[in-house]
Amino acid sequence: MGKEKIVILGCSMAMDDICIGCSRCMVGFNRRDGEFKSCADDTELVGIVGCGGCPGSGIVTRMAHMKLWNGPMDEVPNKVYIAPCITMHCPHKDVLLKKVKAKAGCEVIEGTHPYIPENIFGE
């Protein structure tokens, strides 16, 4: 197997309106923290992709586009990481994960970074 290339799949609503540029996922990847601990030093992040919006009906098409557009550059991911905005907060998570696992054709890992706040207003 060649170099590991990964894509992070997140919630489009969180990515567009809530999260600050998915920075915690990127920090986790760069530090090889959380679910990224098993990534080799030469693993490459080839994309951060939103689900396409509720109820996640566009995710298969978005993954197909990534393969179509990145294939000629040999930048197709061989692992998919599902961000906490989906694994912990998405009401459509089960259906979305079932679609991704059925169509990805590669390993799908639930989770990315470990930087989940215990509480928001407490000390």
Protein backbone atom coordinates (compact mmCIF):
# COMPACT_ATOMS: atom_id res chain seq x y z
CA MET A 1 0.00 0.00 0.00
CA GLY A 2 1.21 3.49 -0.84
CA LYS A 3 1.24 6.58 1.29
CA GLU A 4 -1.79 7.05 3.52
CA LYS A 5 -4.06 9.85 2.34
CA ILE A 6 -7.00 10.86 4.47
CA VAL A 7 -10.12 12.97 4.26
CA ILE A 8 -12.05 14.39 7.20
CA LEU A 9 -15.83 14.37 6.86
CA GLY A 10 -17.71 16.93 8.92
CA CYS A 11 -21.15 18.46 9.35
CA SER A 12 -21.73 21.12 6.70
CA MET A 13 -23.79 23.25 9.07
CA ALA A 14 -21.14 23.18 11.80
CA MET A 15 -18.32 23.76 9.29
CA ASP A 16 -20.07 26.76 7.71
CA ASP A 17 -21.75 28.37 10.70
CA ILE A 18 -20.26 27.16 13.98
CA CYS A 19 -16.77 25.69 13.85
CA ILE A 20 -13.75 27.94 13.38
CA GLY A 21 -12.39 26.48 10.18
CA CYS A 22 -12.35 22.94 11.55
CA SER A 23 -9.18 23.95 13.35
CA ARG A 24 -9.44 21.31 16.08
CA CYS A 25 -9.56 18.52 13.49
CA MET A 26 -6.54 20.00 11.73
CA VAL A 27 -4.62 20.49 14.99
CA GLY A 28 -5.42 16.89 15.99
CA PHE A 29 -4.13 15.66 12.64
CA ASN A 30 -0.98 17.79 12.77
CA ARG A 31 -0.21 16.61 16.31
CA ARG A 32 -1.25 13.00 15.54
CA ASP A 33 -3.56 13.24 18.52
CA GLY A 34 -6.90 11.54 19.15
CA GLU A 35 -7.93 9.13 16.41
CA PHE A 36 -4.99 10.34 14.30
CA LYS A 37 -2.46 8.63 16.63
CA SER A 38 -2.16 5.71 14.24
CA CYS A 39 -1.29 7.93 11.26
CA ALA A 40 2.28 7.67 10.02
CA ASP A 41 4.41 10.81 9.85
CA ASP A 42 4.05 10.95 6.06
CA THR A 43 0.23 10.65 6.09
CA GLU A 44 -1.36 13.43 4.05
CA LEU A 45 -4.63 15.25 4.63
CA VAL A 46 -6.14 15.61 1.15
CA GLY A 47 -9.42 17.21 2.12
CA ILE A 48 -11.98 18.31 4.64
CA VAL A 49 -15.44 17.69 3.22
CA GLY A 50 -18.86 18.67 4.50
CA CYS A 51 -21.70 16.16 4.48
CA GLY A 52 -23.72 18.27 2.05
CA GLY A 53 -26.34 19.33 4.57
CA CYS A 54 -29.12 17.59 6.42
CA PRO A 55 -30.03 14.81 6.18
CA GLY A 56 -26.68 13.96 4.55
CA SER A 57 -28.27 12.86 1.27
CA GLY A 58 -25.44 14.44 -0.75
CA ILE A 59 -22.51 12.72 0.94
CA VAL A 60 -22.16 9.88 -1.58
CA THR A 61 -22.11 12.36 -4.47
CA ARG A 62 -19.56 14.54 -2.64
CA MET A 63 -17.30 11.53 -2.08
CA ALA A 64 -17.65 10.54 -5.76
CA HIS A 65 -16.68 14.07 -6.80
CA MET A 66 -13.61 13.94 -4.58
CA LYS A 67 -12.53 10.71 -6.28
CA LEU A 68 -13.31 12.11 -9.75
CA TRP A 69 -11.53 15.41 -9.19
CA ASN A 70 -8.57 14.11 -7.17
CA GLY A 71 -8.04 10.85 -9.07
CA PRO A 72 -6.04 12.37 -11.94
CA MET A 73 -3.66 13.89 -9.34
CA ASP A 74 -3.34 10.58 -7.44
CA GLU A 75 -4.79 12.27 -4.35
CA VAL A 76 -7.73 9.97 -3.58
CA PRO A 77 -8.13 9.31 0.16
CA ASN A 78 -7.68 5.78 1.44
CA LYS A 79 -9.09 6.55 4.91
CA VAL A 80 -12.10 8.61 5.98
CA TYR A 81 -12.27 10.19 9.43
CA ILE A 82 -15.69 11.29 10.70
CA ALA A 83 -15.48 14.47 12.79
CA PRO A 84 -17.12 14.88 16.22
CA CYS A 85 -19.62 17.35 14.77
CA ILE A 86 -21.19 14.28 13.16
CA THR A 87 -20.29 11.47 15.57
CA MET A 88 -21.44 13.39 18.65
CA HIS A 89 -24.10 15.83 17.41
CA CYS A 90 -25.71 14.79 14.13
CA PRO A 91 -29.31 13.54 14.37
CA HIS A 92 -28.77 11.77 11.00
CA LYS A 93 -25.50 10.16 12.08
CA ASP A 94 -26.57 6.52 11.78
CA VAL A 95 -27.87 6.84 8.21
CA LEU A 96 -24.93 9.02 7.16
CA LEU A 97 -22.34 6.61 8.59
CA LYS A 98 -24.08 3.66 6.95
CA LYS A 99 -23.86 5.40 3.56
CA VAL A 100 -20.22 6.38 4.00
CA LYS A 101 -19.17 2.91 5.16
CA ALA A 102 -21.09 1.29 2.28
CA LYS A 103 -19.58 3.51 -0.43
CA ALA A 104 -16.15 4.70 0.76
CA GLY A 105 -14.30 1.55 -0.27
CA CYS A 106 -11.76 2.18 2.45
CA GLU A 107 -11.47 2.28 6.23
CA VAL A 108 -13.84 4.69 7.98
CA ILE A 109 -12.84 5.93 11.45
CA GLU A 110 -15.39 7.54 13.75
CA GLY A 111 -13.71 10.47 15.47
CA THR A 112 -10.84 12.86 14.90
CA HIS A 113 -9.56 15.15 17.66
CA PRO A 114 -9.83 14.73 21.45
CA TYR A 115 -10.41 18.42 22.18
CA ILE A 116 -13.99 18.24 23.44
CA PRO A 117 -14.70 20.73 26.24
CA GLU A 118 -15.96 19.19 29.47
CA ASN A 119 -18.13 22.19 30.10
CA ILE A 120 -18.53 25.59 28.53
CA PHE A 121 -19.06 28.03 31.39
CA GLY A 122 -17.51 26.15 34.32
CA GLU A 123 -13.99 26.71 35.51
